[in-house]
Amino acid sequence: MKTSITTVTDGQKKQIRRFAEDALDRAIAEGLLDKDSIQNLIENGDEFQADIVASIKKHSLGNQHPDEEVPSNYTYPKEYKGPKPIADQIKALAEIFGLDPSQALEFAKNLPKLPDGAEGWFAVPSVDAIVAKHFPEVTPLNGAQKYCQAVQLVHAKIAASRSFYNYREGQITPAQLRVHARTAHALDLIAETQKGDPSRQGEAEADILIVAAQLGLRHRGKSVRRAREVFVQNEFGLGSLAVGSIILTHPERLVRWEELDMDCPGDEFSPGADGVFSRAPFFDFDGGGVRFGTSRLGNADDRYGSVSLFLPQ
């Protein structure tokens, strides 16, 4: 035990603590905890700690679902030629959502080396920027509601541009859709590094963020659960807000049934709104248009691949 503890880096321990803090903040934001229920947790501290240790044991094991992979020959449609110039993507998102492109355009002038595994650079909107522009009535502290409002807007923008069907219409709510904790942490890091002049205190987050990503080919045929398990250290799932925005700037990525479609492992979905997040969203093409739905975390399908982002190494 002493040997394993000493081999854990300070950075790894800091990240795990951040996940725990984020989970607490999420539980409060989603109304699961208030002053009285937190006191109950404190009074049942031994049992609560044992549950945490059991969860650590469960989620720290590697190679748990090797059977959740199937062979796949599906690939991107021929119309898709790869990511468009990043400046063009930024300007397109700024026009679609009424956002300020200036900070993103400035950051795009000196992008770091593309991380291994990524196919290119993609522009995605900031949740806070979308909400500030379109939903100012949503309180700043309600992160779950902000995300759902932003996803609903992305869906509306896709529907306004092409045929679109949402199998989860009316279910994009904080009780059913949330960002996976690991992805939320990565996006926070990206937003922090892409602020304006770092020497200026309190510099605002950019309206549009730039991420290094791949659009599913790397994990084709894997279940979302399996894809999450085999992500490399600097790889994180992308959620339906980011993936939907990429579809807006790259509509040719989804154009026919005979193509590799897109799982969104950066999100979690609870079909019963009961705290059991057993599904993940997807975007695909069928019936002449784009569709949004969810599938079981353990479902391996040769027609789908998980979309992921990479932090610079």
Protein backbone atom coordinates (compact mmCIF):
# COMPACT_ATOMS: atom_id res chain seq x y z
CA MET A 1 0.00 0.00 0.00
CA LYS A 2 2.83 2.43 0.89
CA THR A 3 4.52 1.74 -2.43
CA SER A 4 1.39 2.42 -4.49
CA ILE A 5 0.69 5.66 -2.63
CA THR A 6 4.18 7.02 -3.19
CA THR A 7 3.95 6.34 -6.93
CA VAL A 8 0.85 8.54 -7.26
CA THR A 9 1.81 12.04 -8.42
CA ASP A 10 0.69 15.23 -6.71
CA GLY A 11 -1.02 16.22 -9.96
CA GLN A 12 -3.06 13.00 -10.01
CA LYS A 13 -4.14 13.46 -6.40
CA LYS A 14 -5.09 17.07 -7.12
CA GLN A 15 -7.23 15.98 -10.08
CA ILE A 16 -9.06 13.33 -8.05
CA ARG A 17 -9.78 15.87 -5.32
CA ARG A 18 -11.12 18.21 -8.01
CA PHE A 19 -13.50 15.47 -9.22
CA ALA A 20 -14.77 15.02 -5.65
CA GLU A 21 -15.28 18.77 -5.21
CA ASP A 22 -17.04 18.99 -8.58
CA ALA A 23 -19.33 16.10 -7.59
CA LEU A 24 -20.30 17.93 -4.40
CA ASP A 25 -20.97 21.16 -6.31
CA ARG A 26 -23.03 19.24 -8.87
CA ALA A 27 -25.12 17.55 -6.17
CA ILE A 28 -25.89 20.93 -4.62
CA ALA A 29 -26.67 22.54 -8.00
CA GLU A 30 -29.01 19.68 -8.89
CA GLY A 31 -30.90 20.03 -5.62
CA LEU A 32 -29.72 16.71 -4.18
CA LEU A 33 -28.10 18.33 -1.15
CA ASP A 34 -29.11 21.11 1.18
CA LYS A 35 -27.99 22.09 4.67
CA ASP A 36 -29.89 19.27 6.38
CA SER A 37 -28.90 16.51 3.96
CA ILE A 38 -25.24 17.54 4.09
CA GLN A 39 -25.43 17.29 7.86
CA ASN A 40 -26.80 13.76 7.44
CA LEU A 41 -23.77 12.92 5.31
CA ILE A 42 -21.49 14.24 8.04
CA GLU A 43 -23.25 12.21 10.71
CA ASN A 44 -22.95 9.09 8.53
CA GLY A 45 -19.34 9.86 7.64
CA ASP A 46 -17.96 6.33 8.13
CA GLU A 47 -20.53 4.75 5.80
CA PHE A 48 -20.19 7.59 3.30
CA GLN A 49 -16.41 7.15 3.24
CA ALA A 50 -16.80 3.40 2.72
CA ASP A 51 -19.06 4.08 -0.27
CA ILE A 52 -16.44 6.42 -1.72
CA VAL A 53 -13.71 3.78 -1.31
CA ALA A 54 -15.95 1.18 -2.98
CA SER A 55 -16.50 3.56 -5.90
CA ILE A 56 -12.74 4.12 -6.18
CA LYS A 57 -12.20 0.37 -6.35
CA LYS A 58 -14.87 0.03 -9.04
CA HIS A 59 -13.71 2.84 -11.31
CA SER A 60 -9.94 2.48 -10.91
CA LEU A 61 -9.81 -1.01 -12.39
CA GLY A 62 -8.62 -1.16 -15.98
CA ASN A 63 -9.80 -3.30 -18.90
CA GLN A 64 -13.20 -4.03 -17.37
CA HIS A 65 -15.22 -4.25 -20.58
CA PRO A 66 -13.04 -5.71 -23.35
CA ASP A 67 -16.07 -7.49 -24.81
CA GLU A 68 -17.77 -4.16 -25.59
CA GLU A 69 -15.99 -3.77 -28.93
CA VAL A 70 -17.05 -5.00 -32.36
CA PRO A 71 -15.18 -4.85 -35.69
CA SER A 72 -16.09 -1.83 -37.80
CA ASN A 73 -15.33 -0.77 -41.36
CA TYR A 74 -17.49 2.35 -41.22
CA THR A 75 -15.70 5.63 -41.85
CA TYR A 76 -16.46 9.28 -42.49
CA PRO A 77 -18.51 10.19 -45.57
CA LYS A 78 -16.55 11.17 -48.66
CA GLU A 79 -18.00 14.68 -48.48
CA TYR A 80 -16.17 15.33 -45.23
CA LYS A 81 -12.62 16.49 -45.97
CA GLY A 82 -11.49 17.09 -42.40
CA PRO A 83 -11.68 20.15 -40.17
CA LYS A 84 -12.12 23.48 -41.91
CA PRO A 85 -9.62 26.29 -41.26
CA ILE A 86 -10.00 27.18 -37.61
CA ALA A 87 -10.56 30.89 -38.29
CA ASP A 88 -13.47 30.00 -40.59
CA GLN A 89 -14.99 27.79 -37.89
CA ILE A 90 -14.69 30.54 -35.29
CA LYS A 91 -16.34 33.11 -37.54
CA ALA A 92 -19.13 30.69 -38.43
CA LEU A 93 -19.94 29.95 -34.76
CA ALA A 94 -19.81 33.66 -33.93
CA GLU A 95 -22.41 34.30 -36.62
CA ILE A 96 -24.62 31.34 -35.69
CA PHE A 97 -24.77 32.17 -31.97
CA GLY A 98 -24.09 35.91 -31.96
CA LEU A 99 -20.81 35.50 -30.06
CA ASP A 100 -17.59 37.52 -29.95
CA PRO A 101 -14.86 35.77 -31.99
CA SER A 102 -11.97 38.09 -31.09
CA GLN A 103 -10.28 36.12 -28.29
CA ALA A 104 -10.56 32.82 -30.14
CA LEU A 105 -9.16 34.33 -33.34
CA GLU A 106 -6.23 35.74 -31.39
CA PHE A 107 -5.54 32.40 -29.69
CA ALA A 108 -5.77 30.59 -33.04
CA LYS A 109 -2.76 32.53 -34.35
CA ASN A 110 -0.38 30.50 -32.19
CA LEU A 111 -1.86 27.06 -31.64
CA PRO A 112 0.32 24.46 -29.92
CA LYS A 113 1.40 21.25 -31.59
CA LEU A 114 -1.58 19.05 -32.39
CA PRO A 115 -1.70 16.26 -29.76
CA ASP A 116 -1.27 12.66 -30.85
CA GLY A 117 -4.63 11.08 -31.69
CA ALA A 118 -6.34 14.32 -32.68
CA GLU A 119 -7.51 14.86 -36.27
CA GLY A 120 -7.37 18.64 -36.10
CA TRP A 121 -8.55 21.78 -34.34
CA PHE A 122 -12.26 22.47 -33.86
CA ALA A 123 -14.12 25.51 -32.55
CA VAL A 124 -16.86 25.05 -29.95
CA PRO A 125 -18.92 27.67 -28.09
CA SER A 126 -18.58 28.43 -24.39
CA VAL A 127 -21.65 27.44 -22.37
CA ASP A 128 -21.40 30.62 -20.32
CA ALA A 129 -21.23 32.77 -23.45
CA ILE A 130 -24.30 31.14 -25.01
CA VAL A 131 -26.30 31.50 -21.82
CA ALA A 132 -25.25 35.12 -21.25
CA LYS A 133 -26.29 35.96 -24.81
CA HIS A 134 -29.52 33.97 -25.11
CA PHE A 135 -30.67 32.98 -21.60
CA PRO A 136 -29.70 35.78 -19.19
CA GLU A 137 -32.45 34.71 -16.81
CA VAL A 138 -30.54 31.51 -15.89
CA THR A 139 -28.60 32.10 -12.68
CA PRO A 140 -24.81 31.91 -13.02
CA LEU A 141 -24.53 29.24 -10.31
CA ASN A 142 -26.94 26.83 -12.00
CA GLY A 143 -24.39 25.08 -14.19
CA ALA A 144 -26.60 22.10 -15.01
CA GLN A 145 -29.43 24.30 -16.24
CA LYS A 146 -27.02 26.45 -18.25
CA TYR A 147 -25.70 23.40 -20.06
CA CYS A 148 -29.15 22.09 -20.90
CA GLN A 149 -30.28 25.48 -22.23
CA ALA A 150 -27.18 25.65 -24.43
CA VAL A 151 -27.75 22.13 -25.80
CA GLN A 152 -31.38 22.99 -26.59
CA LEU A 153 -30.20 26.02 -28.54
CA VAL A 154 -27.73 23.92 -30.53
CA HIS A 155 -30.55 21.53 -31.39
CA ALA A 156 -32.70 24.45 -32.52
CA LYS A 157 -29.89 25.77 -34.72
CA ILE A 158 -29.40 22.35 -36.35
CA ALA A 159 -33.17 22.06 -36.92
CA ALA A 160 -33.20 25.50 -38.54
CA SER A 161 -30.47 24.50 -40.98
CA ARG A 162 -31.55 20.97 -41.99
CA SER A 163 -33.91 18.11 -41.23
CA PHE A 164 -33.51 17.16 -37.56
CA TYR A 165 -35.28 14.76 -35.20
CA ASN A 166 -34.76 14.68 -31.43
CA TYR A 167 -35.69 11.39 -29.77
CA ARG A 168 -35.24 13.12 -26.40
CA GLU A 169 -37.41 16.16 -27.03
CA GLY A 170 -38.50 17.64 -23.70
CA GLN A 171 -35.93 15.58 -21.80
CA ILE A 172 -32.92 17.89 -22.02
CA THR A 173 -33.18 18.81 -18.34
CA PRO A 174 -30.69 18.89 -15.45
CA ALA A 175 -32.26 15.74 -14.03
CA GLN A 176 -31.52 13.83 -17.24
CA LEU A 177 -28.55 15.38 -19.04
CA ARG A 178 -25.24 16.37 -17.51
CA VAL A 179 -21.58 16.72 -18.45
CA HIS A 180 -19.32 13.86 -17.41
CA ALA A 181 -17.12 15.06 -14.54
CA ARG A 182 -13.87 14.24 -16.33
CA THR A 183 -14.93 16.20 -19.43
CA ALA A 184 -16.09 19.16 -17.32
CA HIS A 185 -12.63 19.32 -15.75
CA ALA A 186 -10.90 19.27 -19.16
CA LEU A 187 -13.13 22.03 -20.53
CA ASP A 188 -12.42 24.15 -17.46
CA LEU A 189 -8.69 23.79 -18.12
CA ILE A 190 -9.14 24.71 -21.78
CA ALA A 191 -11.23 27.78 -20.92
CA GLU A 192 -8.62 28.91 -18.40
CA THR A 193 -5.74 28.63 -20.86
CA GLN A 194 -7.64 30.41 -23.64
CA LYS A 195 -8.51 33.56 -21.74
CA GLY A 196 -7.10 36.87 -22.91
CA ASP A 197 -3.86 38.42 -21.68
CA PRO A 198 -2.79 36.22 -18.72
CA SER A 199 -1.13 39.24 -17.08
CA ARG A 200 -4.53 40.93 -16.69
CA GLN A 201 -6.40 39.77 -13.61
CA GLY A 202 -10.01 38.72 -14.11
CA GLU A 203 -9.74 38.38 -17.88
CA ALA A 204 -13.04 37.00 -19.21
CA GLU A 205 -13.38 33.54 -20.72
CA ALA A 206 -13.45 33.45 -24.51
CA ASP A 207 -16.87 33.13 -26.12
CA ILE A 208 -15.49 30.41 -28.41
CA LEU A 209 -12.99 27.71 -27.41
CA ILE A 210 -10.58 25.77 -29.61
CA VAL A 211 -10.14 22.04 -28.98
CA ALA A 212 -8.00 19.33 -30.53
CA ALA A 213 -10.36 16.48 -31.35
CA GLN A 214 -11.17 13.38 -33.36
CA LEU A 215 -14.68 12.72 -34.63
CA GLY A 216 -15.15 9.03 -33.86
CA LEU A 217 -12.84 6.99 -36.07
CA ARG A 218 -10.39 6.33 -33.23
CA HIS A 219 -13.08 4.52 -31.20
CA ARG A 220 -15.37 3.07 -33.86
CA GLY A 221 -17.11 -0.10 -32.78
CA LYS A 222 -16.53 0.53 -29.07
CA SER A 223 -19.25 1.16 -26.53
CA VAL A 224 -19.11 4.56 -24.84
CA ARG A 225 -18.14 2.82 -21.62
CA ARG A 226 -15.29 1.01 -23.34
CA ALA A 227 -14.13 4.17 -25.13
CA ARG A 228 -13.98 6.06 -21.83
CA GLU A 229 -11.98 3.22 -20.35
CA VAL A 230 -9.31 3.22 -23.09
CA PHE A 231 -8.94 7.01 -23.37
CA VAL A 232 -5.29 7.98 -22.99
CA GLN A 233 -4.36 10.27 -20.11
CA ASN A 234 -4.88 13.53 -22.02
CA GLU A 235 -8.04 12.35 -23.86
CA PHE A 236 -11.59 13.25 -22.80
CA GLY A 237 -15.06 12.66 -24.22
CA LEU A 238 -16.86 15.45 -26.03
CA GLY A 239 -20.49 16.15 -25.16
CA SER A 240 -23.56 16.94 -27.21
CA LEU A 241 -23.04 20.71 -27.06
CA ALA A 242 -19.59 20.50 -28.63
CA VAL A 243 -20.45 17.71 -31.06
CA GLY A 244 -23.64 19.47 -32.16
CA SER A 245 -21.67 22.66 -32.73
CA ILE A 246 -19.12 20.79 -34.85
CA ILE A 247 -22.03 19.43 -36.90
CA LEU A 248 -23.19 23.01 -37.45
CA THR A 249 -19.79 24.08 -38.81
CA HIS A 250 -19.20 20.76 -40.63
CA PRO A 251 -22.64 19.65 -41.89
CA GLU A 252 -20.96 17.32 -44.39
CA ARG A 253 -19.80 15.12 -41.48
CA LEU A 254 -23.34 13.62 -41.26
CA VAL A 255 -24.92 13.11 -44.68
CA ARG A 256 -25.89 9.47 -45.18
CA TRP A 257 -26.77 6.24 -43.43
CA GLU A 258 -23.65 4.42 -44.65
CA GLU A 259 -21.16 6.35 -42.51
CA LEU A 260 -19.61 6.33 -39.06
CA ASP A 261 -21.91 8.21 -36.69
CA MET A 262 -21.03 10.03 -33.50
CA ASP A 263 -21.33 9.02 -29.84
CA CYS A 264 -20.97 11.81 -27.25
CA PRO A 265 -19.11 10.27 -24.28
CA GLY A 266 -18.63 13.68 -22.66
CA ASP A 267 -22.29 13.64 -21.55
CA GLU A 268 -24.35 11.35 -19.34
CA PHE A 269 -28.08 10.75 -19.65
CA SER A 270 -30.59 9.44 -17.12
CA PRO A 271 -33.69 8.08 -18.92
CA GLY A 272 -35.71 7.89 -15.71
CA ALA A 273 -34.48 11.18 -14.22
CA ASP A 274 -33.74 9.08 -11.13
CA GLY A 275 -30.02 9.68 -10.68
CA VAL A 276 -29.05 6.62 -12.72
CA PHE A 277 -27.08 7.91 -15.71
CA SER A 278 -26.99 4.73 -17.79
CA ARG A 279 -26.91 6.25 -21.28
CA ALA A 280 -24.94 8.68 -23.44
CA PRO A 281 -26.13 10.86 -26.34
CA PHE A 282 -25.41 10.33 -30.02
CA PHE A 283 -25.87 12.13 -33.32
CA ASP A 284 -26.45 10.14 -36.48
CA PHE A 285 -27.98 10.42 -39.94
CA ASP A 286 -31.02 8.46 -41.06
CA GLY A 287 -34.32 9.10 -42.81
CA GLY A 288 -32.90 12.04 -44.71
CA GLY A 289 -31.75 14.02 -41.70
CA VAL A 290 -29.73 14.29 -38.51
CA ARG A 291 -31.05 12.55 -35.39
CA PHE A 292 -30.25 13.01 -31.71
CA GLY A 293 -30.82 10.24 -29.22
CA THR A 294 -29.22 8.22 -26.46
CA SER A 295 -27.93 4.67 -26.19
CA ARG A 296 -26.84 2.37 -23.38
CA LEU A 297 -23.29 2.91 -22.13
CA GLY A 298 -22.43 -0.73 -22.83
CA ASN A 299 -23.87 -0.85 -26.35
CA ALA A 300 -21.15 -1.57 -28.94
CA ASP A 301 -22.24 -0.76 -32.51
CA ASP A 302 -20.02 -0.85 -35.59
CA ARG A 303 -21.80 2.21 -37.01
CA TYR A 304 -20.77 4.53 -34.14
CA GLY A 305 -17.57 5.93 -32.67
CA SER A 306 -16.97 8.12 -29.62
CA VAL A 307 -15.85 11.70 -30.26
CA SER A 308 -13.03 12.94 -28.02
CA LEU A 309 -10.82 15.95 -27.32
CA PHE A 310 -7.15 16.02 -26.36
CA LEU A 311 -5.31 18.39 -24.07
CA PRO A 312 -1.89 19.50 -25.32
CA GLN A 313 0.80 17.20 -23.94
